């Protein structure tokens, strides 16, 4: 995937602090990674460290009129961890943050998108959350979710976990048919 641009969209969750793991894994596989954060995700991020690691600014708000784009255009998106708030707003087409705007637009552009919802048992029990996951799946979004992926925890203990499966969304993305086709086309161009 040499040179292919991956947006790593992160939400306000304790697991967000580990997004550098996703960046490293993706870079090892040849992705040019840009991190985009929801406003609430910023409290979990080492922004200077991610800027150094990716070579790109960490974006978290819409740009002002006339400002240049500072990130290359995304060719694929991973949303991880995806909070209940983000999943429900995304399924409803709400784009009130840059992160949501990019994933709403990404769906419309047909970009390959993989999301890993992460929440606690109580929040996951709300009917809208399951409906939103099903709706996004029906629209072609790869949703990696369930106790077989990452067992839901009780409220108030999410900060004590360090088992977020950063490799899974990357593996799923690279298995996506459009990414596979891009690899074939890219390798033929090199030959």
C-alpha atoms as a PDB file:
ATOM      1  CA  UNK A   1       0.000   0.000   0.000  1.00  0.00           C
ATOM      2  CA  UNK A   2       2.987   2.258  -0.472  1.00  0.00           C
ATOM      3  CA  UNK A   3       1.852   5.852  -0.410  1.00  0.00           C
ATOM      4  CA  UNK A   4      -1.837   5.081   0.169  1.00  0.00           C
ATOM      5  CA  UNK A   5      -3.383   7.529   2.624  1.00  0.00           C
ATOM      6  CA  UNK A   6      -5.201   6.161   5.660  1.00  0.00           C
ATOM      7  CA  UNK A   7      -7.191   8.384   7.991  1.00  0.00           C
ATOM      8  CA  UNK A   8      -7.230   7.049  11.555  1.00  0.00           C
ATOM      9  CA  UNK A   9     -10.309   8.632  13.116  1.00  0.00           C
ATOM     10  CA  UNK A  10     -10.343   8.450  16.912  1.00  0.00           C
ATOM     11  CA  UNK A  11     -13.088   9.280  19.393  1.00  0.00           C
ATOM     12  CA  UNK A  12     -13.295  10.268  23.066  1.00  0.00           C
ATOM     13  CA  UNK A  13     -12.389   6.981  24.712  1.00  0.00           C
ATOM     14  CA  UNK A  14      -9.597   5.751  26.985  1.00  0.00           C
ATOM     15  CA  UNK A  15      -8.564   3.337  24.213  1.00  0.00           C
ATOM     16  CA  UNK A  16      -7.752   6.338  22.013  1.00  0.00           C
ATOM     17  CA  UNK A  17      -4.491   6.818  23.913  1.00  0.00           C
ATOM     18  CA  UNK A  18      -3.146   3.750  22.077  1.00  0.00           C
ATOM     19  CA  UNK A  19      -3.729   4.983  18.528  1.00  0.00           C
ATOM     20  CA  UNK A  20       0.035   5.230  18.046  1.00  0.00           C
ATOM     21  CA  UNK A  21      -0.046   1.411  17.898  1.00  0.00           C
ATOM     22  CA  UNK A  22      -2.385   1.568  14.894  1.00  0.00           C
ATOM     23  CA  UNK A  23      -0.188   4.208  13.272  1.00  0.00           C
ATOM     24  CA  UNK A  24       2.924   2.026  13.691  1.00  0.00           C
ATOM     25  CA  UNK A  25       1.206  -1.098  12.345  1.00  0.00           C
ATOM     26  CA  UNK A  26      -0.180   0.780   9.352  1.00  0.00           C
ATOM     27  CA  UNK A  27       3.137   2.454   8.579  1.00  0.00           C
ATOM     28  CA  UNK A  28       4.852  -0.947   8.674  1.00  0.00           C
ATOM     29  CA  UNK A  29       2.390  -2.005   5.968  1.00  0.00           C
ATOM     30  CA  UNK A  30       3.151   1.042   3.830  1.00  0.00           C
ATOM     31  CA  UNK A  31       0.270   3.366   4.706  1.00  0.00           C
ATOM     32  CA  UNK A  32       0.695   7.137   5.018  1.00  0.00           C
ATOM     33  CA  UNK A  33      -1.357   7.718   8.184  1.00  0.00           C
ATOM     34  CA  UNK A  34      -3.179  10.894   9.201  1.00  0.00           C
ATOM     35  CA  UNK A  35      -4.891  11.098  12.594  1.00  0.00           C
ATOM     36  CA  UNK A  36      -8.226  12.908  12.862  1.00  0.00           C
ATOM     37  CA  UNK A  37      -9.758  13.295  16.308  1.00  0.00           C
ATOM     38  CA  UNK A  38     -13.159  14.172  17.641  1.00  0.00           C
ATOM     39  CA  UNK A  39     -12.903  17.137  20.008  1.00  0.00           C
ATOM     40  CA  UNK A  40     -13.333  14.844  23.030  1.00  0.00           C
ATOM     41  CA  UNK A  41     -10.584  12.506  21.800  1.00  0.00           C
ATOM     42  CA  UNK A  42      -7.953  15.206  22.295  1.00  0.00           C
ATOM     43  CA  UNK A  43      -7.814  14.618  26.057  1.00  0.00           C
ATOM     44  CA  UNK A  44      -6.493  11.098  25.406  1.00  0.00           C
ATOM     45  CA  UNK A  45      -3.927  11.936  22.713  1.00  0.00           C
ATOM     46  CA  UNK A  46      -0.254  12.767  22.692  1.00  0.00           C
ATOM     47  CA  UNK A  47      -0.705  15.226  19.837  1.00  0.00           C
ATOM     48  CA  UNK A  48       2.981  16.251  19.505  1.00  0.00           C
ATOM     49  CA  UNK A  49       3.995  12.574  19.521  1.00  0.00           C
ATOM     50  CA  UNK A  50       1.472  11.722  16.807  1.00  0.00           C
ATOM     51  CA  UNK A  51       2.582  14.675  14.665  1.00  0.00           C
ATOM     52  CA  UNK A  52       6.160  13.424  14.918  1.00  0.00           C
ATOM     53  CA  UNK A  53       5.112   9.824  14.246  1.00  0.00           C
ATOM     54  CA  UNK A  54       2.918  10.594  11.199  1.00  0.00           C
ATOM     55  CA  UNK A  55       4.525  13.722   9.776  1.00  0.00           C
ATOM     56  CA  UNK A  56       1.050  15.294   9.601  1.00  0.00           C
ATOM     57  CA  UNK A  57      -0.889  17.582  11.922  1.00  0.00           C
ATOM     58  CA  UNK A  58      -3.592  15.965  14.038  1.00  0.00           C
ATOM     59  CA  UNK A  59      -6.812  17.524  12.769  1.00  0.00           C
ATOM     60  CA  UNK A  60      -9.762  17.977  15.107  1.00  0.00           C
ATOM     61  CA  UNK A  61     -11.883  20.811  13.714  1.00  0.00           C
ATOM     62  CA  UNK A  62     -13.150  22.038  10.394  1.00  0.00           C
ATOM     63  CA  UNK A  63     -10.805  24.509   8.731  1.00  0.00           C
ATOM     64  CA  UNK A  64     -11.682  28.152   8.379  1.00  0.00           C
ATOM     65  CA  UNK A  65     -12.741  29.537   4.982  1.00  0.00           C
ATOM     66  CA  UNK A  66      -9.697  30.038   2.810  1.00  0.00           C
ATOM     67  CA  UNK A  67      -7.444  27.758   4.858  1.00  0.00           C
ATOM     68  CA  UNK A  68      -5.554  25.225   2.746  1.00  0.00           C
ATOM     69  CA  UNK A  69      -6.035  21.498   3.188  1.00  0.00           C
ATOM     70  CA  UNK A  70      -3.129  20.299   5.314  1.00  0.00           C
ATOM     71  CA  UNK A  71      -3.756  16.572   4.898  1.00  0.00           C
ATOM     72  CA  UNK A  72      -3.626  14.502   1.722  1.00  0.00           C
ATOM     73  CA  UNK A  73      -6.978  13.069   0.628  1.00  0.00           C
ATOM     74  CA  UNK A  74      -7.976   9.828   2.323  1.00  0.00           C
ATOM     75  CA  UNK A  75      -8.023   6.607   0.339  1.00  0.00           C
ATOM     76  CA  UNK A  76      -9.300   4.573   3.304  1.00  0.00           C
ATOM     77  CA  UNK A  77     -10.541   5.227   6.833  1.00  0.00           C
ATOM     78  CA  UNK A  78     -10.361   3.371  10.129  1.00  0.00           C
ATOM     79  CA  UNK A  79     -12.613   4.626  12.936  1.00  0.00           C
ATOM     80  CA  UNK A  80     -11.238   3.162  16.140  1.00  0.00           C
ATOM     81  CA  UNK A  81     -12.233   3.346  18.854  1.00  0.00           C
ATOM     82  CA  UNK A  82     -15.712   4.344  17.666  1.00  0.00           C
ATOM     83  CA  UNK A  83     -17.845   5.587  20.553  1.00  0.00           C
ATOM     84  CA  UNK A  84     -21.611   5.201  20.884  1.00  0.00           C
ATOM     85  CA  UNK A  85     -21.944   8.922  20.181  1.00  0.00           C
ATOM     86  CA  UNK A  86     -19.972   8.724  16.940  1.00  0.00           C
ATOM     87  CA  UNK A  87     -21.637   5.514  15.725  1.00  0.00           C
ATOM     88  CA  UNK A  88     -25.146   6.881  16.315  1.00  0.00           C
ATOM     89  CA  UNK A  89     -24.420  10.280  14.754  1.00  0.00           C
ATOM     90  CA  UNK A  90     -22.672   8.671  11.771  1.00  0.00           C
ATOM     91  CA  UNK A  91     -25.645   6.390  11.115  1.00  0.00           C
ATOM     92  CA  UNK A  92     -27.919   9.438  11.268  1.00  0.00           C
ATOM     93  CA  UNK A  93     -25.726  11.408   8.837  1.00  0.00           C
ATOM     94  CA  UNK A  94     -24.759  14.046  11.392  1.00  0.00           C
ATOM     95  CA  UNK A  95     -21.512  15.836  10.564  1.00  0.00           C
ATOM     96  CA  UNK A  96     -21.117  18.290  13.437  1.00  0.00           C
ATOM     97  CA  UNK A  97     -17.393  17.592  13.901  1.00  0.00           C
ATOM     98  CA  UNK A  98     -14.593  17.215  11.372  1.00  0.00           C
ATOM     99  CA  UNK A  99     -14.237  13.514  12.246  1.00  0.00           C
ATOM    100  CA  UNK A 100     -17.934  12.873  11.612  1.00  0.00           C
ATOM    101  CA  UNK A 101     -17.902  14.997   8.472  1.00  0.00           C
ATOM    102  CA  UNK A 102     -15.050  12.940   7.039  1.00  0.00           C
ATOM    103  CA  UNK A 103     -16.659   9.567   7.766  1.00  0.00           C
ATOM    104  CA  UNK A 104     -20.078  10.703   6.519  1.00  0.00           C
ATOM    105  CA  UNK A 105     -18.395  11.991   3.361  1.00  0.00           C
ATOM    106  CA  UNK A 106     -16.210   8.872   3.122  1.00  0.00           C
ATOM    107  CA  UNK A 107     -19.318   6.703   3.017  1.00  0.00           C
ATOM    108  CA  UNK A 108     -20.713   8.885   0.229  1.00  0.00           C
ATOM    109  CA  UNK A 109     -17.441   8.675  -1.698  1.00  0.00           C
ATOM    110  CA  UNK A 110     -17.400   4.897  -1.405  1.00  0.00           C
ATOM    111  CA  UNK A 111     -14.107   4.793   0.493  1.00  0.00           C
ATOM    112  CA  UNK A 112     -13.277   1.558   2.284  1.00  0.00           C
ATOM    113  CA  UNK A 113     -14.107   2.198   5.947  1.00  0.00           C
ATOM    114  CA  UNK A 114     -13.600  -0.077   8.943  1.00  0.00           C
ATOM    115  CA  UNK A 115     -14.844   0.789  12.432  1.00  0.00           C
ATOM    116  CA  UNK A 116     -14.302  -0.805  15.832  1.00  0.00           C
ATOM    117  CA  UNK A 117     -17.017   0.302  18.253  1.00  0.00           C
ATOM    118  CA  UNK A 118     -15.813   0.473  21.851  1.00  0.00           C
ATOM    119  CA  UNK A 119     -18.065   1.120  24.806  1.00  0.00           C
ATOM    120  CA  UNK A 120     -19.336  -0.366  28.046  1.00  0.00           C
ATOM    121  CA  UNK A 121     -22.185  -2.851  28.525  1.00  0.00           C
ATOM    122  CA  UNK A 122     -24.698  -0.257  29.710  1.00  0.00           C
ATOM    123  CA  UNK A 123     -24.197   2.100  26.783  1.00  0.00           C
ATOM    124  CA  UNK A 124     -24.151  -0.760  24.279  1.00  0.00           C
ATOM    125  CA  UNK A 125     -27.543  -1.899  25.592  1.00  0.00           C
ATOM    126  CA  UNK A 126     -29.283   1.173  24.198  1.00  0.00           C
ATOM    127  CA  UNK A 127     -31.368   0.028  21.186  1.00  0.00           C
ATOM    128  CA  UNK A 128     -30.166   2.869  18.948  1.00  0.00           C
ATOM    129  CA  UNK A 129     -26.572   1.636  19.147  1.00  0.00           C
ATOM    130  CA  UNK A 130     -27.320  -1.829  17.771  1.00  0.00           C
ATOM    131  CA  UNK A 131     -29.573  -0.321  15.114  1.00  0.00           C
ATOM    132  CA  UNK A 132     -26.816   2.096  14.088  1.00  0.00           C
ATOM    133  CA  UNK A 133     -24.258  -0.706  13.778  1.00  0.00           C
ATOM    134  CA  UNK A 134     -26.687  -2.717  11.635  1.00  0.00           C
ATOM    135  CA  UNK A 135     -27.470   0.319   9.471  1.00  0.00           C
ATOM    136  CA  UNK A 136     -23.788   1.126   8.875  1.00  0.00           C
ATOM    137  CA  UNK A 137     -23.084  -2.520   8.016  1.00  0.00           C
ATOM    138  CA  UNK A 138     -25.966  -2.495   5.531  1.00  0.00           C
ATOM    139  CA  UNK A 139     -24.313   0.476   3.818  1.00  0.00           C
ATOM    140  CA  UNK A 140     -21.028  -1.390   3.375  1.00  0.00           C
ATOM    141  CA  UNK A 141     -19.122  -0.213   6.435  1.00  0.00           C
ATOM    142  CA  UNK A 142     -17.081  -2.990   8.047  1.00  0.00           C
ATOM    143  CA  UNK A 143     -18.046  -2.943  11.726  1.00  0.00           C
ATOM    144  CA  UNK A 144     -15.775  -5.083  13.903  1.00  0.00           C
ATOM    145  CA  UNK A 145     -17.899  -5.524  16.980  1.00  0.00           C
ATOM    146  CA  UNK A 146     -19.007  -8.146  19.454  1.00  0.00           C
ATOM    147  CA  UNK A 147     -17.851 -10.036  22.525  1.00  0.00           C
ATOM    148  CA  UNK A 148     -15.842 -12.308  20.208  1.00  0.00           C
ATOM    149  CA  UNK A 149     -13.804  -9.223  19.215  1.00  0.00           C
ATOM    150  CA  UNK A 150     -13.544  -7.304  22.458  1.00  0.00           C
ATOM    151  CA  UNK A 151     -15.657  -8.197  25.457  1.00  0.00           C
ATOM    152  CA  UNK A 152     -17.713  -5.282  26.712  1.00  0.00           C
ATOM    153  CA  UNK A 153     -16.780  -4.007  30.150  1.00  0.00           C
ATOM    154  CA  UNK A 154     -18.858  -2.641  32.985  1.00  0.00           C
ATOM    155  CA  UNK A 155     -19.253   1.146  33.266  1.00  0.00           C
ATOM    156  CA  UNK A 156     -16.352   2.899  34.935  1.00  0.00           C
ATOM    157  CA  UNK A 157     -13.594   0.380  34.206  1.00  0.00           C
ATOM    158  CA  UNK A 158     -12.684   1.212  30.577  1.00  0.00           C
ATOM    159  CA  UNK A 159      -9.612   3.169  31.605  1.00  0.00           C
ATOM    160  CA  UNK A 160      -8.106   0.030  33.103  1.00  0.00           C
ATOM    161  CA  UNK A 161      -8.080  -1.885  29.811  1.00  0.00           C
ATOM    162  CA  UNK A 162      -5.141  -2.197  27.474  1.00  0.00           C
ATOM    163  CA  UNK A 163      -6.439  -4.913  25.155  1.00  0.00           C
ATOM    164  CA  UNK A 164      -7.791  -2.863  22.261  1.00  0.00           C
ATOM    165  CA  UNK A 165      -7.222  -4.943  19.088  1.00  0.00           C
ATOM    166  CA  UNK A 166      -5.495  -2.344  16.889  1.00  0.00           C
ATOM    167  CA  UNK A 167      -4.461  -4.951  14.290  1.00  0.00           C
ATOM    168  CA  UNK A 168      -8.041  -6.060  13.534  1.00  0.00           C
ATOM    169  CA  UNK A 169      -9.280  -2.948  11.701  1.00  0.00           C
ATOM    170  CA  UNK A 170      -6.092  -2.828   9.657  1.00  0.00           C
ATOM    171  CA  UNK A 171      -6.400  -6.518   8.721  1.00  0.00           C
ATOM    172  CA  UNK A 172     -10.056  -5.998   7.761  1.00  0.00           C
ATOM    173  CA  UNK A 173      -9.226  -2.912   5.720  1.00  0.00           C
ATOM    174  CA  UNK A 174      -6.514  -4.704   3.793  1.00  0.00           C
ATOM    175  CA  UNK A 175      -8.971  -7.538   3.041  1.00  0.00           C
ATOM    176  CA  UNK A 176     -11.470  -5.037   1.575  1.00  0.00           C
ATOM    177  CA  UNK A 177     -12.020  -5.691  -2.171  1.00  0.00           C
ATOM    178  CA  UNK A 178     -11.202  -2.115  -3.232  1.00  0.00           C
ATOM    179  CA  UNK A 179      -7.958  -2.136  -1.226  1.00  0.00           C
ATOM    180  CA  UNK A 180      -7.058  -5.521  -2.740  1.00  0.00           C
ATOM    181  CA  UNK A 181      -7.742  -4.126  -6.229  1.00  0.00           C
ATOM    182  CA  UNK A 182      -5.637  -1.058  -5.448  1.00  0.00           C
ATOM    183  CA  UNK A 183      -2.759  -3.332  -4.410  1.00  0.00           C
ATOM    184  CA  UNK A 184      -2.962  -5.294  -7.652  1.00  0.00           C
ATOM    185  CA  UNK A 185      -3.102  -2.131  -9.736  1.00  0.00           C
ATOM    186  CA  UNK A 186      -0.241  -0.582  -7.736  1.00  0.00           C
ATOM    187  CA  UNK A 187       1.973  -3.654  -8.084  1.00  0.00           C
ATOM    188  CA  UNK A 188       1.320  -3.818 -11.848  1.00  0.00           C
ATOM    189  CA  UNK A 189       2.352  -0.191 -12.169  1.00  0.00           C
ATOM    190  CA  UNK A 190       5.700  -1.022 -10.542  1.00  0.00           C
ATOM    191  CA  UNK A 191       6.401  -3.956 -12.878  1.00  0.00           C
END
